[in-house]
């Protein structure tokens, strides 16, 4: 795993349509990220909730330590542009 400072982390689950959409967007943009599968790692849900203060997914954590909860594609794209990742 790469260092948290330079990596996007996506907390999600395969049954979550928003998670699937966000993963597909990051993949299509060629963005590297760490995917945390909350089905395979249920304890990671506590980490995601601690970050976001909510139980909604996906939670996307950016290299600048900011995060989105259930972001739209436009939200993710805007943040990636802000961070000069695309």
Protein backbone atom coordinates (compact mmCIF):
# COMPACT_ATOMS: atom_id res chain seq x y z
CA UNK A 1 0.00 0.00 0.00
CA UNK A 2 1.29 3.46 -0.83
CA UNK A 3 1.49 6.17 1.77
CA UNK A 4 -1.74 7.84 2.81
CA UNK A 5 -0.29 11.25 1.96
CA UNK A 6 -0.22 10.53 -1.76
CA UNK A 7 -3.14 8.17 -2.20
CA UNK A 8 -6.87 8.41 -2.58
CA UNK A 9 -8.73 5.95 -0.39
CA UNK A 10 -12.21 4.78 -1.33
CA UNK A 11 -14.30 3.09 1.34
CA UNK A 12 -17.13 1.19 -0.29
CA UNK A 13 -18.98 -2.05 -0.92
CA UNK A 14 -19.72 -4.02 -4.06
CA UNK A 15 -23.49 -3.82 -3.45
CA UNK A 16 -23.40 0.01 -3.37
CA UNK A 17 -24.27 1.61 -6.73
CA UNK A 18 -22.63 4.92 -5.80
CA UNK A 19 -19.46 3.04 -4.82
CA UNK A 20 -19.43 1.18 -8.14
CA UNK A 21 -19.95 4.46 -10.03
CA UNK A 22 -17.13 6.23 -8.16
CA UNK A 23 -14.74 3.29 -8.68
CA UNK A 24 -15.59 3.25 -12.39
CA UNK A 25 -14.94 7.00 -12.62
CA UNK A 26 -11.54 6.77 -10.91
CA UNK A 27 -10.61 3.77 -13.08
CA UNK A 28 -11.65 5.54 -16.28
CA UNK A 29 -9.56 8.59 -15.32
CA UNK A 30 -6.55 6.38 -14.56
CA UNK A 31 -6.46 7.55 -10.94
CA UNK A 32 -4.67 5.23 -8.52
CA UNK A 33 -6.53 4.62 -5.30
CA UNK A 34 -6.77 2.22 -2.41
CA UNK A 35 -10.12 0.46 -2.26
CA UNK A 36 -11.31 -0.60 1.18
CA UNK A 37 -14.04 -3.23 0.79
CA UNK A 38 -16.32 -2.83 3.78
CA UNK A 39 -17.81 -6.29 3.18
CA UNK A 40 -14.39 -7.96 3.36
CA UNK A 41 -13.23 -5.63 6.16
CA UNK A 42 -16.28 -4.78 8.30
CA UNK A 43 -14.14 -3.08 10.95
CA UNK A 44 -13.09 -0.52 8.33
CA UNK A 45 -16.66 0.83 8.42
CA UNK A 46 -15.78 2.35 11.79
CA UNK A 47 -12.81 4.10 10.18
CA UNK A 48 -14.98 5.44 7.37
CA UNK A 49 -17.59 6.66 9.88
CA UNK A 50 -14.87 8.30 11.98
CA UNK A 51 -13.61 10.17 8.90
CA UNK A 52 -17.01 11.27 7.61
CA UNK A 53 -19.18 11.37 10.73
CA UNK A 54 -21.78 9.44 8.74
CA UNK A 55 -22.59 5.86 7.82
CA UNK A 56 -23.14 6.65 4.13
CA UNK A 57 -20.78 5.27 1.49
CA UNK A 58 -18.72 5.70 -0.53
CA UNK A 59 -16.32 7.78 1.50
CA UNK A 60 -13.51 9.14 -0.68
CA UNK A 61 -10.45 10.46 1.18
CA UNK A 62 -8.09 12.64 -0.83
CA UNK A 63 -4.33 13.19 -0.43
CA UNK A 64 -4.97 16.57 1.23
CA UNK A 65 -6.99 14.75 3.96
CA UNK A 66 -10.29 16.20 2.74
CA UNK A 67 -13.10 13.80 1.95
CA UNK A 68 -16.40 13.38 0.17
CA UNK A 69 -19.35 11.25 1.23
CA UNK A 70 -21.56 9.94 -1.59
CA UNK A 71 -19.97 12.36 -4.07
CA UNK A 72 -21.33 12.99 -7.53
CA UNK A 73 -19.00 12.44 -10.48
CA UNK A 74 -18.79 16.23 -10.81
CA UNK A 75 -17.70 16.54 -7.14
CA UNK A 76 -14.96 13.97 -7.61
CA UNK A 77 -13.78 15.50 -10.88
CA UNK A 78 -13.66 19.00 -9.37
CA UNK A 79 -11.60 17.77 -6.42
CA UNK A 80 -9.20 15.85 -8.65
CA UNK A 81 -8.71 19.00 -10.76
CA UNK A 82 -8.17 21.09 -7.61
CA UNK A 83 -5.43 18.66 -6.56
CA UNK A 84 -3.96 18.66 -10.11
CA UNK A 85 -4.50 14.90 -10.39
CA UNK A 86 -6.28 15.23 -13.75
